[in-house]
Amino acid sequence: MYFFISVKPNSKVEKIEKKDGEWMIRINAPALAGKANERLIEFLAGMLNLPKSKLHLVKGKTGRLKCIQIDAETEYVHAMLEQAMDLKVHKN
């Protein structure tokens, strides 16, 4: 499945949010030398309980809007994201 998301780097708290049908992930890594993208993949993989190799950044390597290919069933991904959102705050 393809997952479209907005990313906010340099956040104090890492979390996932959904507003008006749009997903946003706040991560604490800076937007330098791909560090935010690396942390985004780590964060999502942990949230989805998937190995990082199952997530691929397809579009948005230098922007805040990202397209990530996730090698998993759509229903599973949506359920895990909703569950993670209910937890509100995620720690490393």
N, C-alpha and C. Protein backbone atom coordinates (compact mmCIF):
# COMPACT_ATOMS: atom_id res chain seq x y z
N MET A 1 0.84 -1.18 0.00
CA MET A 1 0.00 0.00 0.00
C MET A 1 0.88 1.24 0.00
N TYR A 2 0.32 2.34 -0.48
CA TYR A 2 1.03 3.62 -0.45
C TYR A 2 0.39 4.49 0.62
N PHE A 3 1.24 5.09 1.44
CA PHE A 3 0.81 5.88 2.58
C PHE A 3 1.33 7.30 2.40
N PHE A 4 0.44 8.27 2.34
CA PHE A 4 0.81 9.67 2.17
C PHE A 4 0.74 10.37 3.52
N ILE A 5 1.79 11.10 3.84
CA ILE A 5 1.89 11.69 5.17
C ILE A 5 2.67 12.99 5.13
N SER A 6 2.36 13.86 6.06
CA SER A 6 3.12 15.08 6.27
C SER A 6 4.02 14.85 7.49
N VAL A 7 5.26 15.32 7.41
CA VAL A 7 6.21 15.10 8.49
C VAL A 7 6.68 16.44 9.04
N LYS A 8 6.72 16.53 10.36
CA LYS A 8 7.26 17.71 11.03
C LYS A 8 8.50 17.30 11.79
N PRO A 9 9.70 17.63 11.27
CA PRO A 9 10.94 17.30 11.97
C PRO A 9 11.19 18.26 13.14
N ASN A 10 12.20 17.92 13.95
CA ASN A 10 12.61 18.75 15.10
C ASN A 10 11.51 18.94 16.13
N SER A 11 10.62 17.99 16.27
CA SER A 11 9.55 18.10 17.26
C SER A 11 10.05 17.67 18.63
N LYS A 12 9.50 18.26 19.66
CA LYS A 12 9.87 17.88 21.02
C LYS A 12 9.34 16.49 21.36
N VAL A 13 8.14 16.20 20.86
CA VAL A 13 7.48 14.92 21.14
C VAL A 13 7.20 14.22 19.82
N GLU A 14 7.50 12.93 19.76
CA GLU A 14 7.19 12.15 18.56
C GLU A 14 5.78 11.58 18.70
N LYS A 15 4.97 11.82 17.68
CA LYS A 15 3.60 11.30 17.72
C LYS A 15 3.00 11.33 16.32
N ILE A 16 1.89 10.61 16.21
CA ILE A 16 1.15 10.60 14.95
C ILE A 16 -0.19 11.27 15.20
N GLU A 17 -0.64 12.03 14.22
CA GLU A 17 -1.91 12.75 14.32
C GLU A 17 -2.68 12.60 13.02
N LYS A 18 -3.99 12.75 13.13
CA LYS A 18 -4.84 12.74 11.94
C LYS A 18 -5.83 13.88 12.09
N LYS A 19 -5.83 14.77 11.09
CA LYS A 19 -6.73 15.92 11.13
C LYS A 19 -7.35 16.09 9.76
N ASP A 20 -8.66 16.13 9.72
CA ASP A 20 -9.38 16.28 8.45
C ASP A 20 -8.97 15.23 7.43
N GLY A 21 -8.72 14.00 7.90
CA GLY A 21 -8.36 12.90 7.01
C GLY A 21 -6.91 12.88 6.58
N GLU A 22 -6.12 13.84 7.04
CA GLU A 22 -4.70 13.93 6.68
C GLU A 22 -3.84 13.44 7.84
N TRP A 23 -2.86 12.60 7.54
CA TRP A 23 -1.95 12.07 8.56
C TRP A 23 -0.73 12.97 8.70
N MET A 24 -0.27 13.14 9.94
CA MET A 24 0.97 13.88 10.20
C MET A 24 1.75 13.13 11.27
N ILE A 25 3.06 13.05 11.07
CA ILE A 25 3.93 12.47 12.08
C ILE A 25 4.93 13.52 12.49
N ARG A 26 5.04 13.70 13.79
CA ARG A 26 6.05 14.60 14.37
C ARG A 26 7.20 13.73 14.85
N ILE A 27 8.40 14.05 14.39
CA ILE A 27 9.58 13.30 14.81
C ILE A 27 10.63 14.26 15.35
N ASN A 28 11.54 13.73 16.18
CA ASN A 28 12.51 14.61 16.82
C ASN A 28 13.80 14.78 16.03
N ALA A 29 13.98 14.10 14.94
CA ALA A 29 15.21 14.20 14.15
C ALA A 29 15.20 15.47 13.30
N PRO A 30 16.38 16.04 13.07
CA PRO A 30 16.46 17.23 12.22
C PRO A 30 16.33 16.87 10.74
N ALA A 31 15.93 17.85 9.96
CA ALA A 31 15.80 17.66 8.51
C ALA A 31 17.15 17.93 7.85
N LEU A 32 18.15 17.16 8.23
CA LEU A 32 19.51 17.31 7.70
C LEU A 32 20.04 15.97 7.26
N ALA A 33 20.60 15.93 6.07
CA ALA A 33 21.30 14.73 5.56
C ALA A 33 20.48 13.46 5.67
N GLY A 34 19.17 13.57 5.48
CA GLY A 34 18.32 12.39 5.49
C GLY A 34 17.99 11.83 6.87
N LYS A 35 18.40 12.52 7.94
CA LYS A 35 18.16 12.01 9.30
C LYS A 35 16.67 11.93 9.62
N ALA A 36 15.90 12.92 9.19
CA ALA A 36 14.46 12.90 9.44
C ALA A 36 13.80 11.75 8.70
N ASN A 37 14.23 11.49 7.47
CA ASN A 37 13.67 10.37 6.71
C ASN A 37 14.00 9.04 7.37
N GLU A 38 15.24 8.89 7.83
CA GLU A 38 15.63 7.66 8.52
C GLU A 38 14.79 7.45 9.77
N ARG A 39 14.62 8.52 10.55
CA ARG A 39 13.84 8.42 11.79
C ARG A 39 12.37 8.14 11.47
N LEU A 40 11.86 8.73 10.41
CA LEU A 40 10.48 8.48 10.01
C LEU A 40 10.25 7.00 9.74
N ILE A 41 11.15 6.38 8.98
CA ILE A 41 11.02 4.96 8.67
C ILE A 41 11.13 4.12 9.94
N GLU A 42 12.08 4.46 10.82
CA GLU A 42 12.22 3.74 12.09
C GLU A 42 10.95 3.87 12.93
N PHE A 43 10.44 5.09 13.02
CA PHE A 43 9.25 5.37 13.82
C PHE A 43 8.04 4.61 13.30
N LEU A 44 7.81 4.69 11.99
CA LEU A 44 6.67 3.98 11.39
C LEU A 44 6.81 2.47 11.52
N ALA A 45 8.01 1.96 11.29
CA ALA A 45 8.24 0.51 11.39
C ALA A 45 7.93 0.03 12.81
N GLY A 46 8.38 0.79 13.80
CA GLY A 46 8.09 0.43 15.19
C GLY A 46 6.61 0.50 15.50
N MET A 47 5.94 1.52 15.00
CA MET A 47 4.52 1.69 15.23
C MET A 47 3.70 0.57 14.58
N LEU A 48 4.17 0.13 13.40
CA LEU A 48 3.44 -0.90 12.65
C LEU A 48 3.91 -2.31 13.00
N ASN A 49 4.95 -2.41 13.82
CA ASN A 49 5.51 -3.70 14.19
C ASN A 49 5.97 -4.47 12.94
N LEU A 50 6.68 -3.74 12.07
CA LEU A 50 7.20 -4.30 10.83
C LEU A 50 8.70 -4.02 10.76
N PRO A 51 9.46 -4.86 10.06
CA PRO A 51 10.88 -4.53 9.85
C PRO A 51 11.00 -3.31 8.93
N LYS A 52 12.05 -2.53 9.12
CA LYS A 52 12.26 -1.33 8.30
C LYS A 52 12.32 -1.67 6.82
N SER A 53 12.74 -2.88 6.49
CA SER A 53 12.86 -3.28 5.08
C SER A 53 11.50 -3.35 4.38
N LYS A 54 10.40 -3.33 5.14
CA LYS A 54 9.06 -3.37 4.56
C LYS A 54 8.52 -1.97 4.22
N LEU A 55 9.29 -0.93 4.55
CA LEU A 55 8.88 0.45 4.29
C LEU A 55 9.88 1.11 3.36
N HIS A 56 9.37 1.79 2.34
CA HIS A 56 10.23 2.42 1.34
C HIS A 56 9.73 3.84 1.06
N LEU A 57 10.61 4.81 1.21
CA LEU A 57 10.26 6.19 0.88
C LEU A 57 10.27 6.33 -0.64
N VAL A 58 9.09 6.56 -1.21
CA VAL A 58 8.94 6.61 -2.66
C VAL A 58 9.05 8.04 -3.18
N LYS A 59 8.49 8.97 -2.45
CA LYS A 59 8.46 10.36 -2.89
C LYS A 59 8.58 11.29 -1.68
N GLY A 60 9.24 12.41 -1.88
CA GLY A 60 9.31 13.41 -0.83
C GLY A 60 10.59 13.38 -0.01
N LYS A 61 11.67 12.96 -0.62
CA LYS A 61 12.94 12.84 0.13
C LYS A 61 13.41 14.17 0.69
N THR A 62 13.07 15.28 0.03
CA THR A 62 13.53 16.58 0.51
C THR A 62 12.40 17.49 0.98
N GLY A 63 11.18 17.02 0.94
CA GLY A 63 10.04 17.83 1.36
C GLY A 63 9.36 17.25 2.58
N ARG A 64 8.36 17.95 3.05
CA ARG A 64 7.62 17.47 4.23
C ARG A 64 6.50 16.51 3.87
N LEU A 65 6.04 16.56 2.64
CA LEU A 65 5.02 15.61 2.20
C LEU A 65 5.71 14.37 1.66
N LYS A 66 5.34 13.22 2.19
CA LYS A 66 6.02 11.96 1.86
C LYS A 66 5.02 10.94 1.32
N CYS A 67 5.52 10.07 0.48
CA CYS A 67 4.78 8.89 0.03
C CYS A 67 5.64 7.70 0.41
N ILE A 68 5.08 6.83 1.23
CA ILE A 68 5.82 5.66 1.70
C ILE A 68 5.09 4.41 1.24
N GLN A 69 5.83 3.52 0.62
CA GLN A 69 5.28 2.22 0.25
C GLN A 69 5.47 1.29 1.44
N ILE A 70 4.38 0.68 1.87
CA ILE A 70 4.43 -0.24 3.01
C ILE A 70 4.01 -1.61 2.52
N ASP A 71 4.90 -2.57 2.68
CA ASP A 71 4.62 -3.94 2.25
C ASP A 71 3.83 -4.67 3.33
N ALA A 72 2.53 -4.34 3.41
CA ALA A 72 1.62 -4.96 4.38
C ALA A 72 0.19 -4.70 3.90
N GLU A 73 -0.73 -5.44 4.46
CA GLU A 73 -2.14 -5.28 4.11
C GLU A 73 -2.67 -3.92 4.57
N THR A 74 -3.47 -3.29 3.74
CA THR A 74 -4.01 -1.97 4.04
C THR A 74 -4.78 -1.96 5.36
N GLU A 75 -5.59 -2.97 5.60
CA GLU A 75 -6.39 -3.03 6.82
C GLU A 75 -5.50 -3.09 8.06
N TYR A 76 -4.43 -3.87 7.97
CA TYR A 76 -3.49 -3.99 9.08
C TYR A 76 -2.84 -2.63 9.37
N VAL A 77 -2.37 -1.97 8.33
CA VAL A 77 -1.70 -0.67 8.50
C VAL A 77 -2.65 0.34 9.13
N HIS A 78 -3.86 0.43 8.62
CA HIS A 78 -4.83 1.39 9.16
C HIS A 78 -5.16 1.09 10.61
N ALA A 79 -5.34 -0.18 10.94
CA ALA A 79 -5.64 -0.56 12.32
C ALA A 79 -4.50 -0.19 13.25
N MET A 80 -3.27 -0.46 12.84
CA MET A 80 -2.11 -0.16 13.68
C MET A 80 -1.92 1.35 13.84
N LEU A 81 -2.17 2.11 12.78
CA LEU A 81 -2.03 3.57 12.88
C LEU A 81 -3.09 4.16 13.80
N GLU A 82 -4.31 3.68 13.69
CA GLU A 82 -5.38 4.16 14.58
C GLU A 82 -5.05 3.81 16.02
N GLN A 83 -4.55 2.61 16.25
CA GLN A 83 -4.17 2.19 17.60
C GLN A 83 -3.04 3.07 18.13
N ALA A 84 -2.05 3.35 17.30
CA ALA A 84 -0.92 4.19 17.71
C ALA A 84 -1.40 5.61 18.01
N MET A 85 -2.33 6.10 17.23
CA MET A 85 -2.85 7.44 17.45
C MET A 85 -3.58 7.52 18.79
N ASP A 86 -4.25 6.45 19.16
CA ASP A 86 -4.95 6.41 20.45
C ASP A 86 -3.98 6.50 21.62
N LEU A 87 -2.75 6.03 21.42
CA LEU A 87 -1.75 6.08 22.49
C LEU A 87 -1.21 7.49 22.67
N LYS A 88 -1.45 8.35 21.70
CA LYS A 88 -1.09 9.77 21.70
C LYS A 88 0.40 10.04 21.57
N VAL A 89 1.22 9.60 22.52
CA VAL A 89 2.64 9.95 22.52
C VAL A 89 3.46 8.67 22.45
N HIS A 90 4.50 8.69 21.62
CA HIS A 90 5.37 7.53 21.45
C HIS A 90 6.78 7.92 21.84
N LYS A 91 7.42 7.08 22.59
CA LYS A 91 8.80 7.35 23.00
C LYS A 91 9.72 6.40 22.29
N ASN A 92 10.98 6.80 22.16
CA ASN A 92 11.98 5.95 21.50
C ASN A 92 12.20 4.69 22.29
